[in-house]
N, C-alpha and C. Protein backbone atom coordinates (compact mmCIF):
# COMPACT_ATOMS: atom_id res chain seq x y z
N MET A 1 56.87 19.88 5.47
CA MET A 1 56.08 19.58 4.27
C MET A 1 54.73 20.37 4.34
N ALA A 2 54.49 21.09 3.34
CA ALA A 2 53.30 21.93 3.32
C ALA A 2 52.03 21.12 3.21
N HIS A 3 50.93 21.66 3.63
CA HIS A 3 49.64 20.96 3.58
C HIS A 3 49.11 20.81 2.18
N ASP A 4 49.62 21.71 1.21
CA ASP A 4 49.19 21.74 -0.18
C ASP A 4 50.04 20.76 -1.06
N ALA A 5 50.84 19.90 -0.45
CA ALA A 5 51.73 19.04 -1.21
C ALA A 5 50.94 18.04 -2.02
N PHE A 6 49.80 17.58 -1.59
CA PHE A 6 49.03 16.65 -2.26
C PHE A 6 47.78 17.33 -2.82
N PRO A 7 47.64 17.43 -4.15
CA PRO A 7 46.46 18.07 -4.69
C PRO A 7 45.24 17.28 -4.43
N PRO A 8 44.08 17.83 -4.38
CA PRO A 8 42.83 17.05 -4.20
C PRO A 8 42.64 16.06 -5.30
N PRO A 9 42.01 14.92 -5.06
CA PRO A 9 41.79 13.95 -6.16
C PRO A 9 40.88 14.56 -7.26
N VAL A 10 41.18 14.25 -8.49
CA VAL A 10 40.36 14.76 -9.59
C VAL A 10 39.53 13.60 -10.05
N GLY A 11 38.19 13.81 -10.12
CA GLY A 11 37.28 12.79 -10.50
C GLY A 11 36.26 13.35 -11.40
N PRO A 12 35.26 12.55 -11.76
CA PRO A 12 34.19 13.09 -12.56
C PRO A 12 33.40 14.17 -11.81
N GLU A 13 33.00 15.12 -12.57
CA GLU A 13 32.19 16.29 -11.99
C GLU A 13 30.87 15.69 -11.42
N PRO A 14 30.54 16.03 -10.21
CA PRO A 14 29.29 15.47 -9.64
C PRO A 14 28.08 16.00 -10.49
N LEU A 15 27.01 15.11 -10.55
CA LEU A 15 25.82 15.48 -11.24
C LEU A 15 25.12 16.61 -10.44
N ARG A 16 24.62 17.59 -11.07
CA ARG A 16 23.83 18.64 -10.42
C ARG A 16 22.44 18.05 -10.25
N ARG A 17 22.01 18.20 -9.06
CA ARG A 17 20.67 17.60 -8.70
C ARG A 17 19.68 18.76 -8.53
N ASN A 18 18.58 18.63 -9.20
CA ASN A 18 17.52 19.64 -9.06
C ASN A 18 16.54 19.13 -8.02
N ALA A 19 15.44 19.90 -7.86
CA ALA A 19 14.42 19.57 -6.89
C ALA A 19 13.75 18.18 -7.17
N MET A 20 13.53 17.91 -8.37
CA MET A 20 12.92 16.65 -8.77
C MET A 20 13.71 15.47 -8.41
N ASP A 21 15.07 15.60 -8.68
CA ASP A 21 16.01 14.52 -8.36
C ASP A 21 16.03 14.32 -6.85
N ARG A 22 15.92 15.35 -6.05
CA ARG A 22 15.86 15.17 -4.60
C ARG A 22 14.53 14.57 -4.18
N PHE A 23 13.57 14.93 -4.86
CA PHE A 23 12.17 14.31 -4.58
C PHE A 23 12.25 12.80 -4.85
N ILE A 24 12.84 12.43 -6.00
CA ILE A 24 12.97 11.01 -6.36
C ILE A 24 13.79 10.25 -5.32
N GLU A 25 14.87 10.88 -4.86
CA GLU A 25 15.69 10.26 -3.86
C GLU A 25 15.01 10.07 -2.52
N SER A 26 14.15 11.04 -2.16
CA SER A 26 13.43 10.94 -0.92
C SER A 26 12.45 9.82 -1.00
N ILE A 27 11.77 9.61 -2.17
CA ILE A 27 10.85 8.49 -2.34
C ILE A 27 11.61 7.16 -2.22
N GLU A 28 12.79 7.05 -2.78
CA GLU A 28 13.60 5.85 -2.64
C GLU A 28 13.96 5.57 -1.13
N TRP A 29 14.22 6.67 -0.42
CA TRP A 29 14.55 6.45 1.02
C TRP A 29 13.32 5.99 1.76
N ILE A 30 12.17 6.55 1.43
CA ILE A 30 10.93 6.04 2.08
C ILE A 30 10.64 4.58 1.82
N ALA A 31 10.87 4.19 0.57
CA ALA A 31 10.70 2.76 0.20
C ALA A 31 11.69 1.92 1.01
N ALA A 32 12.92 2.30 1.09
CA ALA A 32 13.93 1.61 1.82
C ALA A 32 13.63 1.52 3.30
N ALA A 33 13.09 2.61 3.88
CA ALA A 33 12.77 2.62 5.32
C ALA A 33 11.53 1.68 5.53
N SER A 34 10.67 1.59 4.60
CA SER A 34 9.50 0.67 4.70
C SER A 34 10.01 -0.76 4.77
N VAL A 35 11.00 -1.11 3.94
CA VAL A 35 11.55 -2.44 3.93
C VAL A 35 12.12 -2.79 5.33
N GLY A 36 12.87 -1.81 5.89
CA GLY A 36 13.45 -2.00 7.23
C GLY A 36 12.39 -2.15 8.30
N ILE A 37 11.34 -1.36 8.22
CA ILE A 37 10.28 -1.51 9.26
C ILE A 37 9.56 -2.84 9.17
N VAL A 38 9.26 -3.24 7.98
CA VAL A 38 8.60 -4.54 7.78
C VAL A 38 9.49 -5.71 8.29
N ALA A 39 10.77 -5.66 7.95
CA ALA A 39 11.69 -6.68 8.34
C ALA A 39 11.87 -6.67 9.88
N ALA A 40 11.90 -5.50 10.53
CA ALA A 40 12.08 -5.42 11.94
C ALA A 40 10.81 -5.95 12.65
N ASN A 41 9.61 -5.65 12.10
CA ASN A 41 8.35 -6.13 12.67
C ASN A 41 8.31 -7.62 12.66
N ILE A 42 8.72 -8.26 11.55
CA ILE A 42 8.72 -9.68 11.42
C ILE A 42 9.73 -10.27 12.32
N PHE A 43 10.91 -9.75 12.32
CA PHE A 43 12.02 -10.30 13.17
C PHE A 43 11.70 -10.24 14.63
N ILE A 44 11.22 -9.07 15.11
CA ILE A 44 10.93 -8.91 16.56
C ILE A 44 9.67 -9.80 16.90
N SER A 45 8.72 -9.90 16.10
CA SER A 45 7.55 -10.77 16.32
C SER A 45 8.01 -12.20 16.47
N VAL A 46 8.83 -12.67 15.60
CA VAL A 46 9.26 -14.07 15.66
C VAL A 46 10.10 -14.28 16.93
N LEU A 47 11.03 -13.43 17.22
CA LEU A 47 11.84 -13.56 18.48
C LEU A 47 10.95 -13.60 19.73
N LEU A 48 10.05 -12.69 19.84
CA LEU A 48 9.17 -12.63 21.01
C LEU A 48 8.29 -13.85 21.14
N ARG A 49 7.75 -14.32 19.98
CA ARG A 49 6.89 -15.52 20.06
C ARG A 49 7.72 -16.72 20.33
N TYR A 50 8.88 -16.89 19.76
CA TYR A 50 9.70 -18.10 19.93
C TYR A 50 10.30 -18.19 21.28
N PHE A 51 10.89 -17.11 21.78
CA PHE A 51 11.60 -17.19 23.02
C PHE A 51 10.76 -16.81 24.28
N PHE A 52 9.76 -15.97 24.15
CA PHE A 52 8.99 -15.49 25.30
C PHE A 52 7.50 -15.85 25.22
N SER A 53 7.10 -16.52 24.17
CA SER A 53 5.65 -16.79 24.00
C SER A 53 4.75 -15.61 24.18
N VAL A 54 5.28 -14.48 23.66
CA VAL A 54 4.50 -13.21 23.75
C VAL A 54 4.33 -12.68 22.29
N SER A 55 3.26 -12.02 22.01
CA SER A 55 3.14 -11.43 20.69
C SER A 55 2.91 -9.92 20.79
N ILE A 56 3.36 -9.20 19.79
CA ILE A 56 3.08 -7.79 19.71
C ILE A 56 1.63 -7.62 19.38
N PRO A 57 0.90 -6.74 20.12
CA PRO A 57 -0.48 -6.52 19.78
C PRO A 57 -0.63 -5.98 18.30
N ASP A 58 -1.51 -6.55 17.58
CA ASP A 58 -1.80 -6.12 16.19
C ASP A 58 -0.62 -6.26 15.26
N SER A 59 0.35 -7.19 15.64
CA SER A 59 1.52 -7.36 14.77
C SER A 59 1.13 -7.81 13.37
N TYR A 60 0.17 -8.70 13.35
CA TYR A 60 -0.26 -9.14 11.98
C TYR A 60 -0.84 -8.01 11.19
N ASP A 61 -1.72 -7.23 11.82
CA ASP A 61 -2.41 -6.12 11.08
C ASP A 61 -1.35 -5.08 10.66
N PHE A 62 -0.45 -4.74 11.59
CA PHE A 62 0.62 -3.79 11.24
C PHE A 62 1.51 -4.29 10.10
N GLY A 63 1.86 -5.58 10.20
CA GLY A 63 2.68 -6.19 9.13
C GLY A 63 2.03 -6.18 7.80
N ARG A 64 0.73 -6.45 7.76
CA ARG A 64 -0.05 -6.52 6.53
C ARG A 64 -0.14 -5.06 5.92
N MET A 65 -0.47 -4.13 6.78
CA MET A 65 -0.60 -2.73 6.24
C MET A 65 0.75 -2.13 5.89
N LEU A 66 1.77 -2.40 6.68
CA LEU A 66 3.08 -1.94 6.34
C LEU A 66 3.63 -2.55 5.02
N LEU A 67 3.29 -3.83 4.74
CA LEU A 67 3.59 -4.45 3.51
C LEU A 67 2.95 -3.69 2.34
N GLY A 68 1.69 -3.34 2.55
CA GLY A 68 0.99 -2.55 1.47
C GLY A 68 1.70 -1.28 1.25
N ILE A 69 2.10 -0.55 2.31
CA ILE A 69 2.86 0.68 2.13
C ILE A 69 4.16 0.41 1.40
N LEU A 70 4.86 -0.59 1.77
CA LEU A 70 6.10 -0.94 1.09
C LEU A 70 5.89 -1.21 -0.38
N ILE A 71 4.84 -1.93 -0.79
CA ILE A 71 4.54 -2.22 -2.13
C ILE A 71 4.32 -0.93 -2.95
N PHE A 72 3.51 -0.06 -2.47
CA PHE A 72 3.12 1.09 -3.26
C PHE A 72 4.28 2.11 -3.34
N TRP A 73 5.04 2.27 -2.22
CA TRP A 73 6.23 3.19 -2.28
C TRP A 73 7.31 2.51 -3.18
N GLY A 74 7.39 1.15 -3.13
CA GLY A 74 8.32 0.49 -4.01
C GLY A 74 7.97 0.67 -5.43
N ILE A 75 6.71 0.61 -5.78
CA ILE A 75 6.23 0.90 -7.15
C ILE A 75 6.73 2.28 -7.57
N ALA A 76 6.57 3.25 -6.73
CA ALA A 76 7.04 4.62 -6.99
C ALA A 76 8.57 4.61 -7.28
N ALA A 77 9.35 3.90 -6.43
CA ALA A 77 10.81 3.98 -6.57
C ALA A 77 11.27 3.30 -7.87
N THR A 78 10.68 2.14 -8.16
CA THR A 78 11.14 1.41 -9.35
C THR A 78 10.58 1.93 -10.62
N SER A 79 9.40 2.60 -10.59
CA SER A 79 8.80 3.08 -11.87
C SER A 79 9.60 4.18 -12.50
N TYR A 80 10.15 5.07 -11.74
CA TYR A 80 10.94 6.13 -12.36
C TYR A 80 12.20 5.62 -13.02
N ARG A 81 12.93 4.76 -12.33
CA ARG A 81 14.21 4.28 -12.85
C ARG A 81 13.97 3.27 -13.98
N GLY A 82 12.78 2.70 -14.03
CA GLY A 82 12.55 1.65 -15.11
C GLY A 82 13.21 0.31 -14.73
N THR A 83 13.44 0.10 -13.45
CA THR A 83 14.16 -1.11 -12.96
C THR A 83 13.12 -2.22 -12.57
N HIS A 84 11.87 -2.06 -12.84
CA HIS A 84 10.90 -3.08 -12.61
C HIS A 84 11.12 -4.24 -13.59
N ILE A 85 10.49 -5.29 -13.39
CA ILE A 85 10.59 -6.48 -14.25
C ILE A 85 10.01 -6.14 -15.59
N THR A 86 10.79 -6.42 -16.63
CA THR A 86 10.40 -6.10 -18.01
C THR A 86 10.68 -7.33 -18.88
N VAL A 87 10.03 -7.37 -20.02
CA VAL A 87 10.28 -8.36 -21.05
C VAL A 87 10.81 -7.58 -22.23
N ASP A 88 12.09 -7.79 -22.52
CA ASP A 88 12.80 -6.96 -23.49
C ASP A 88 13.11 -7.74 -24.82
N LEU A 89 12.31 -8.68 -25.14
CA LEU A 89 12.58 -9.48 -26.36
C LEU A 89 12.46 -8.63 -27.63
N VAL A 90 11.52 -7.84 -27.75
CA VAL A 90 11.37 -7.02 -28.93
C VAL A 90 12.34 -5.85 -28.88
N TRP A 91 12.44 -5.23 -27.62
CA TRP A 91 13.22 -4.06 -27.44
C TRP A 91 14.66 -4.35 -27.74
N ASP A 92 15.25 -5.52 -27.39
CA ASP A 92 16.60 -5.82 -27.66
C ASP A 92 16.90 -5.86 -29.15
N LEU A 93 15.92 -6.25 -29.99
CA LEU A 93 16.15 -6.32 -31.40
C LEU A 93 15.89 -5.08 -32.15
N ALA A 94 15.38 -4.08 -31.45
CA ALA A 94 14.97 -2.81 -32.09
C ALA A 94 16.21 -1.88 -32.19
N GLY A 95 16.04 -0.92 -33.13
CA GLY A 95 17.10 0.11 -33.20
C GLY A 95 16.90 1.20 -32.18
N PRO A 96 17.79 2.19 -32.09
CA PRO A 96 17.69 3.20 -31.06
C PRO A 96 16.41 3.99 -31.09
N ARG A 97 15.94 4.41 -32.30
CA ARG A 97 14.67 5.18 -32.36
C ARG A 97 13.50 4.36 -31.98
N ALA A 98 13.44 3.05 -32.39
CA ALA A 98 12.31 2.18 -32.03
C ALA A 98 12.37 1.85 -30.49
N LYS A 99 13.56 1.73 -29.98
CA LYS A 99 13.68 1.53 -28.50
C LYS A 99 13.08 2.70 -27.71
N ARG A 100 13.38 3.92 -28.20
CA ARG A 100 12.85 5.05 -27.50
C ARG A 100 11.35 5.14 -27.62
N LEU A 101 10.77 4.75 -28.80
CA LEU A 101 9.36 4.76 -28.97
C LEU A 101 8.70 3.72 -28.09
N ILE A 102 9.33 2.53 -28.03
CA ILE A 102 8.77 1.48 -27.17
C ILE A 102 8.81 1.91 -25.67
N ASP A 103 9.96 2.56 -25.25
CA ASP A 103 9.98 3.05 -23.90
C ASP A 103 8.94 4.10 -23.63
N ILE A 104 8.68 5.00 -24.52
CA ILE A 104 7.63 5.99 -24.29
C ILE A 104 6.25 5.35 -24.24
N PHE A 105 5.98 4.43 -25.16
CA PHE A 105 4.67 3.75 -25.14
C PHE A 105 4.51 2.93 -23.84
N ALA A 106 5.53 2.18 -23.46
CA ALA A 106 5.41 1.38 -22.24
C ALA A 106 5.23 2.27 -20.97
N THR A 107 5.86 3.38 -20.95
CA THR A 107 5.75 4.29 -19.80
C THR A 107 4.37 4.92 -19.80
N LEU A 108 3.84 5.27 -20.93
CA LEU A 108 2.46 5.83 -20.98
C LEU A 108 1.37 4.76 -20.51
N VAL A 109 1.61 3.49 -20.92
CA VAL A 109 0.77 2.43 -20.44
C VAL A 109 0.83 2.26 -18.90
N LEU A 110 2.09 2.30 -18.44
CA LEU A 110 2.34 2.17 -16.99
C LEU A 110 1.71 3.33 -16.27
N LEU A 111 1.77 4.52 -16.81
CA LEU A 111 1.18 5.74 -16.21
C LEU A 111 -0.33 5.58 -16.12
N PHE A 112 -0.97 5.08 -17.22
CA PHE A 112 -2.36 4.88 -17.19
C PHE A 112 -2.87 3.88 -16.12
N VAL A 113 -2.14 2.74 -16.06
CA VAL A 113 -2.47 1.71 -15.13
C VAL A 113 -2.30 2.17 -13.66
N VAL A 114 -1.20 2.83 -13.37
CA VAL A 114 -0.92 3.30 -12.00
C VAL A 114 -1.87 4.40 -11.66
N ALA A 115 -2.28 5.27 -12.62
CA ALA A 115 -3.25 6.40 -12.35
C ALA A 115 -4.61 5.77 -11.95
N VAL A 116 -5.05 4.75 -12.71
CA VAL A 116 -6.32 4.11 -12.34
C VAL A 116 -6.21 3.46 -11.01
N GLN A 117 -5.10 2.78 -10.74
CA GLN A 117 -4.88 2.14 -9.46
C GLN A 117 -4.92 3.18 -8.29
N THR A 118 -4.33 4.32 -8.55
CA THR A 118 -4.33 5.44 -7.53
C THR A 118 -5.75 5.87 -7.25
N ILE A 119 -6.58 6.01 -8.25
CA ILE A 119 -7.98 6.39 -8.04
C ILE A 119 -8.74 5.39 -7.23
N MET A 120 -8.47 4.10 -7.54
CA MET A 120 -9.16 3.01 -6.83
C MET A 120 -8.69 2.92 -5.37
N LEU A 121 -7.37 3.16 -5.15
CA LEU A 121 -6.89 3.11 -3.81
C LEU A 121 -7.38 4.30 -3.00
N PHE A 122 -7.56 5.40 -3.61
CA PHE A 122 -8.19 6.58 -2.91
C PHE A 122 -9.59 6.22 -2.43
N ASP A 123 -10.31 5.53 -3.25
CA ASP A 123 -11.64 5.07 -2.95
C ASP A 123 -11.58 4.14 -1.70
N LYS A 124 -10.55 3.30 -1.68
CA LYS A 124 -10.37 2.35 -0.54
C LYS A 124 -10.03 3.12 0.71
N VAL A 125 -9.23 4.17 0.66
CA VAL A 125 -8.93 5.04 1.82
C VAL A 125 -10.21 5.66 2.35
N VAL A 126 -11.05 6.26 1.44
CA VAL A 126 -12.27 6.90 1.90
C VAL A 126 -13.22 5.90 2.48
N THR A 127 -13.38 4.79 1.85
CA THR A 127 -14.33 3.78 2.33
C THR A 127 -13.84 3.25 3.68
N THR A 128 -12.56 2.98 3.86
CA THR A 128 -12.08 2.47 5.12
C THR A 128 -12.30 3.49 6.22
N LYS A 129 -12.15 4.77 5.93
CA LYS A 129 -12.35 5.81 6.92
C LYS A 129 -13.82 5.91 7.30
N ILE A 130 -14.70 5.89 6.31
CA ILE A 130 -16.13 5.98 6.58
C ILE A 130 -16.67 4.78 7.36
N GLN A 131 -16.14 3.54 7.04
CA GLN A 131 -16.56 2.31 7.75
C GLN A 131 -15.93 2.21 9.11
N ASN A 132 -14.98 3.10 9.38
CA ASN A 132 -14.30 3.03 10.74
C ASN A 132 -13.68 1.63 11.04
N ILE A 133 -12.98 1.11 10.03
CA ILE A 133 -12.36 -0.20 10.25
C ILE A 133 -11.14 -0.05 11.19
N LEU A 134 -11.10 -0.91 12.14
CA LEU A 134 -10.07 -0.83 13.23
C LEU A 134 -9.26 -2.09 13.33
N THR A 135 -8.04 -1.99 13.90
CA THR A 135 -7.24 -3.17 14.09
C THR A 135 -7.93 -4.00 15.16
N TYR A 136 -7.49 -5.24 15.30
CA TYR A 136 -8.14 -6.19 16.17
C TYR A 136 -7.91 -5.95 17.64
N ASP A 137 -6.56 -5.88 18.02
CA ASP A 137 -6.17 -5.77 19.44
C ASP A 137 -6.25 -4.33 19.99
N LEU A 138 -5.65 -3.43 19.32
CA LEU A 138 -5.59 -2.05 19.86
C LEU A 138 -6.69 -1.13 19.33
N GLN A 139 -7.53 -1.62 18.51
CA GLN A 139 -8.63 -0.80 17.97
C GLN A 139 -8.19 0.48 17.41
N LEU A 140 -7.06 0.42 16.66
CA LEU A 140 -6.54 1.67 15.97
C LEU A 140 -7.22 1.75 14.58
N PRO A 141 -7.53 2.97 14.09
CA PRO A 141 -8.07 3.07 12.72
C PRO A 141 -7.04 2.63 11.69
N THR A 142 -7.55 1.98 10.67
CA THR A 142 -6.57 1.42 9.66
C THR A 142 -6.48 2.45 8.45
N TRP A 143 -7.34 3.40 8.35
CA TRP A 143 -7.30 4.27 7.15
C TRP A 143 -6.01 5.08 7.01
N PRO A 144 -5.34 5.54 8.08
CA PRO A 144 -4.04 6.21 7.88
C PRO A 144 -3.01 5.37 7.16
N PHE A 145 -2.98 4.05 7.44
CA PHE A 145 -2.07 3.20 6.69
C PHE A 145 -2.43 3.13 5.24
N PHE A 146 -3.71 3.05 4.95
CA PHE A 146 -4.07 3.06 3.52
C PHE A 146 -3.75 4.39 2.91
N ALA A 147 -3.88 5.44 3.70
CA ALA A 147 -3.56 6.82 3.14
C ALA A 147 -2.09 6.98 2.82
N ILE A 148 -1.25 6.43 3.65
CA ILE A 148 0.23 6.48 3.42
C ILE A 148 0.57 5.63 2.19
N ALA A 149 -0.12 4.51 2.02
CA ALA A 149 0.12 3.72 0.79
C ALA A 149 -0.40 4.45 -0.40
N TRP A 150 -1.53 5.13 -0.31
CA TRP A 150 -2.03 5.92 -1.46
C TRP A 150 -1.09 7.02 -1.83
N LEU A 151 -0.46 7.67 -0.81
CA LEU A 151 0.59 8.70 -1.13
C LEU A 151 1.72 8.14 -1.91
N GLY A 152 2.10 6.84 -1.65
CA GLY A 152 3.11 6.20 -2.41
C GLY A 152 2.67 6.04 -3.87
N ASP A 153 1.39 5.65 -4.05
CA ASP A 153 0.80 5.53 -5.37
C ASP A 153 0.77 6.89 -6.08
N VAL A 154 0.45 7.92 -5.35
CA VAL A 154 0.46 9.31 -6.00
C VAL A 154 1.86 9.65 -6.38
N SER A 155 2.81 9.31 -5.54
CA SER A 155 4.21 9.56 -5.88
C SER A 155 4.62 8.80 -7.12
N ALA A 156 4.10 7.60 -7.29
CA ALA A 156 4.39 6.80 -8.52
C ALA A 156 3.86 7.51 -9.71
N VAL A 157 2.64 8.05 -9.61
CA VAL A 157 2.07 8.77 -10.77
C VAL A 157 2.90 9.94 -11.17
N ILE A 158 3.37 10.70 -10.15
CA ILE A 158 4.18 11.90 -10.40
C ILE A 158 5.46 11.48 -11.01
N LEU A 159 6.13 10.46 -10.52
CA LEU A 159 7.47 10.06 -11.08
C LEU A 159 7.32 9.40 -12.41
N ILE A 160 6.21 8.69 -12.67
CA ILE A 160 6.05 8.15 -14.02
C ILE A 160 5.80 9.27 -15.00
N SER A 161 5.08 10.30 -14.55
CA SER A 161 4.85 11.46 -15.39
C SER A 161 6.18 12.16 -15.74
N VAL A 162 6.94 12.33 -14.74
CA VAL A 162 8.37 12.96 -14.95
C VAL A 162 9.14 12.09 -15.86
N ARG A 163 9.12 10.78 -15.64
CA ARG A 163 9.84 9.89 -16.56
C ARG A 163 9.40 9.95 -18.03
N THR A 164 8.04 10.04 -18.12
CA THR A 164 7.54 10.22 -19.53
C THR A 164 8.03 11.51 -20.14
N PHE A 165 7.90 12.58 -19.36
CA PHE A 165 8.33 13.90 -19.84
C PHE A 165 9.80 13.82 -20.32
N ARG A 166 10.59 13.28 -19.38
CA ARG A 166 12.09 13.26 -19.73
C ARG A 166 12.37 12.26 -20.84
N LEU A 167 11.61 11.17 -21.01
CA LEU A 167 11.79 10.24 -22.12
C LEU A 167 11.52 10.97 -23.45
N ILE A 168 10.49 11.85 -23.44
CA ILE A 168 10.06 12.49 -24.70
C ILE A 168 10.97 13.65 -25.01
N PHE A 169 11.26 14.51 -23.96
CA PHE A 169 12.03 15.75 -24.27
C PHE A 169 13.43 15.77 -23.85
N TYR A 170 13.90 14.96 -22.91
CA TYR A 170 15.29 14.89 -22.47
C TYR A 170 15.72 13.40 -22.28
N PRO A 171 15.75 12.61 -23.33
CA PRO A 171 16.04 11.22 -23.20
C PRO A 171 17.48 10.94 -22.63
N GLU A 172 18.34 11.85 -22.88
CA GLU A 172 19.69 11.68 -22.39
C GLU A 172 19.79 11.73 -20.87
N ARG A 173 18.89 12.44 -20.23
CA ARG A 173 18.88 12.50 -18.76
C ARG A 173 18.45 11.16 -18.12
N ILE A 174 17.60 10.43 -18.80
CA ILE A 174 17.23 9.08 -18.31
C ILE A 174 18.36 8.12 -18.63
N ALA A 175 18.85 8.18 -19.77
CA ALA A 175 19.91 7.20 -20.23
C ALA A 175 21.21 7.35 -19.43
N GLU A 176 21.63 8.54 -19.10
CA GLU A 176 22.86 8.75 -18.44
C GLU A 176 22.84 8.39 -16.92
N GLN A 177 21.70 8.60 -16.31
CA GLN A 177 21.62 8.32 -14.86
C GLN A 177 21.30 6.91 -14.54
N TYR A 178 20.53 6.23 -15.38
CA TYR A 178 20.00 4.90 -15.01
C TYR A 178 20.21 3.82 -16.05
N SER A 179 21.32 3.91 -16.71
CA SER A 179 21.65 2.97 -17.74
C SER A 179 21.76 1.54 -17.15
N LEU A 180 21.08 0.66 -17.81
CA LEU A 180 21.18 -0.78 -17.26
C LEU A 180 22.19 -1.59 -18.21
N GLU A 181 22.76 -0.93 -19.14
CA GLU A 181 23.72 -1.55 -20.03
C GLU A 181 24.98 -1.91 -19.22
N PRO A 182 25.54 -3.08 -19.46
CA PRO A 182 26.78 -3.44 -18.74
C PRO A 182 27.99 -2.61 -19.18
N LYS A 183 28.76 -2.27 -18.18
CA LYS A 183 29.98 -1.51 -18.50
C LYS A 183 31.15 -2.41 -18.68
N GLU A 184 31.98 -2.16 -19.62
CA GLU A 184 33.16 -3.01 -19.89
C GLU A 184 34.44 -2.28 -19.61
């Protein structure tokens, strides 16, 4: 029997991914890795404390700062897809054109809020570096953790800007990739 007896499976054509889609995917991976690191920190800390009466130096500080990183990179990941918590009471009743206008307006408001938040977080990074704030046990500087969180916020601004651009000029690219409508 020849090797060509079974044709390759035919399925939907894979979506072509451009540089921005790869950037978005990398941000989602960073957010996912942050979740894993925070969970591992908590799990290992609890195990060591419970079974061996030992604690990881600066575990609390690391956990607190890693949680901040997780939050800001999570904002970046969810903001582009529009999968954050929303109230869709008016949106559900609106027609297609009104839904698109509501989406654009909501995304612009989100962009403004996250941009202001990014500016304020940058101020926190600079202030923390200038004040030389250190962790309690290991005396490590805390500003790099704040800087990584700030980069997550910068990524959120970039992704929300891309989402806004695509909502205005290429709404089908948003709808086809991340539709939240149930499939029947």
